[in-house]
Amino acid sequence: LLAAPLTAQTGGTGTITGRVFDATTKVSLNAAEVSVGDARTTTARDGTFTLRGVPAGAQEIRASYLGYEAQAITVEVTAGAAATADIALGGE
């Protein structure tokens, strides 16, 4: 009898894609940090990011950038699918 990997037992994983931008000017923020649990990435020049292998279910995604107040939002991740999370950051 073989044991299935934990991710398969709990519903699999999905992907979160999105953009981090200035709440006032709507300008994209290059190199903003985006995280879900232990998974971290930084945004590209156009403010976009992709986090793969995120557990399915409600996940809190955090974004931060120097000089801005960090923000957290909840995103519903579906196994095998991509969820979208656009995050506006305001000044500190």
Protein backbone atom coordinates (compact mmCIF):
# COMPACT_ATOMS: atom_id res chain seq x y z
CA LEU A 1 0.00 0.00 0.00
CA LEU A 2 1.47 3.34 -1.07
CA ALA A 3 0.79 6.63 0.67
CA ALA A 4 -0.25 9.54 -1.53
CA PRO A 5 1.66 12.81 -1.21
CA LEU A 6 0.14 15.26 1.27
CA THR A 7 -0.81 17.76 -1.45
CA ALA A 8 -2.87 15.13 -3.24
CA GLN A 9 -4.68 14.27 -0.02
CA THR A 10 -5.55 17.89 0.72
CA GLY A 11 -6.82 18.93 -2.69
CA GLY A 12 -3.71 19.65 -4.77
CA THR A 13 -2.15 22.95 -5.70
CA GLY A 14 -2.83 25.89 -7.96
CA THR A 15 -1.20 29.10 -9.12
CA ILE A 16 -1.67 32.73 -8.11
CA THR A 17 -0.89 35.43 -10.66
CA GLY A 18 -1.35 39.15 -10.32
CA ARG A 19 0.07 42.63 -10.19
CA VAL A 20 1.29 44.93 -7.41
CA PHE A 21 0.82 48.66 -7.97
CA ASP A 22 0.68 52.06 -6.27
CA ALA A 23 -2.85 52.67 -4.96
CA THR A 24 -2.80 56.37 -5.88
CA THR A 25 -0.95 56.54 -9.19
CA LYS A 26 -1.71 52.96 -10.40
CA VAL A 27 1.99 52.68 -11.38
CA SER A 28 3.33 49.11 -11.27
CA LEU A 29 5.86 48.34 -8.53
CA ASN A 30 8.98 46.54 -9.76
CA ALA A 31 10.63 44.13 -7.26
CA ALA A 32 7.81 44.20 -4.70
CA GLU A 33 7.88 41.11 -2.46
CA VAL A 34 4.88 38.78 -2.68
CA SER A 35 4.38 35.78 -0.40
CA VAL A 36 1.96 33.01 0.53
CA GLY A 37 3.12 31.00 3.52
CA ASP A 38 6.77 30.07 2.91
CA ALA A 39 6.57 30.71 -0.87
CA ARG A 40 8.04 34.06 -1.93
CA THR A 41 8.71 35.88 -5.17
CA THR A 42 9.32 39.41 -6.42
CA THR A 43 7.42 41.26 -9.08
CA ALA A 44 8.74 41.84 -12.60
CA ARG A 45 9.28 45.32 -14.08
CA ASP A 46 5.60 45.54 -14.97
CA GLY A 47 4.57 44.67 -11.39
CA THR A 48 3.35 41.17 -12.27
CA PHE A 49 4.08 37.99 -10.33
CA THR A 50 3.36 34.26 -10.37
CA LEU A 51 3.36 31.90 -7.40
CA ARG A 52 3.12 28.21 -8.34
CA GLY A 53 2.41 25.19 -6.16
CA VAL A 54 0.10 27.07 -3.77
CA PRO A 55 -2.14 24.72 -1.74
CA ALA A 56 -5.78 24.72 -2.79
CA GLY A 57 -8.21 26.63 -0.56
CA ALA A 58 -8.32 30.10 0.96
CA GLN A 59 -4.80 31.56 1.07
CA GLU A 60 -3.54 34.85 2.48
CA ILE A 61 -1.24 36.60 0.04
CA ARG A 62 0.99 39.45 1.27
CA ALA A 63 2.70 42.16 -0.73
CA SER A 64 5.30 44.65 0.49
CA TYR A 65 7.53 47.30 -1.01
CA LEU A 66 9.95 49.77 0.57
CA GLY A 67 8.15 53.00 1.47
CA TYR A 68 4.68 51.43 1.26
CA GLU A 69 2.40 49.86 3.84
CA ALA A 70 2.28 46.07 3.38
CA GLN A 71 -1.09 44.61 2.37
CA ALA A 72 -2.63 41.15 2.75
CA ILE A 73 -5.64 39.78 0.90
CA THR A 74 -7.32 36.39 0.85
CA VAL A 75 -7.46 34.49 -2.44
CA GLU A 76 -9.36 31.27 -3.15
CA VAL A 77 -6.99 28.85 -4.92
CA THR A 78 -8.42 25.97 -6.96
CA ALA A 79 -6.31 22.88 -7.64
CA GLY A 80 -4.95 22.89 -11.19
CA ALA A 81 -6.13 26.45 -11.86
CA ALA A 82 -4.82 30.01 -11.67
CA ALA A 83 -6.28 32.58 -9.28
CA THR A 84 -5.77 36.32 -9.79
CA ALA A 85 -4.70 38.74 -7.05
CA ASP A 86 -4.05 42.39 -7.88
CA ILE A 87 -2.76 44.28 -4.86
CA ALA A 88 -2.71 48.05 -4.38
CA LEU A 89 -0.15 49.42 -1.92
CA GLY A 90 -0.49 52.80 -0.23
CA GLY A 91 2.20 54.97 1.31
CA GLU A 92 3.28 54.52 4.91
